[in-house]
Amino acid sequence: MKRRLPLVPPLAPLLLAFLALLDLRQELRLLADHVTVTALIFMVRSHPLAVVVLLLQPSLWRHYRRSAQDPVESRR
């Protein structure tokens, strides 16, 4: 008998995106005031992990949705 997992949104990508935005909040405020190439470069160079996490969000969502839909047959 297949066990169905409840439809809970994947919390790991959501938490990572929230923390990345929290880390970038000052730079995002500066970019909202004046969008410059220098501000973009500074943001990427001073917060590379947060930028990478935000860029990889679509891939993370696909991965976690796929793993939540797969039946857990290999544990038996």
Foldseek 3Di string as FASTA:
>chain_A
DFDADDPDQDVVLVVLLVVLCVVCVVLVVVCVVPNDPVSVVVSCVVRVPSVVSVVCSVVVRVVVVVVNGDTDPPVD
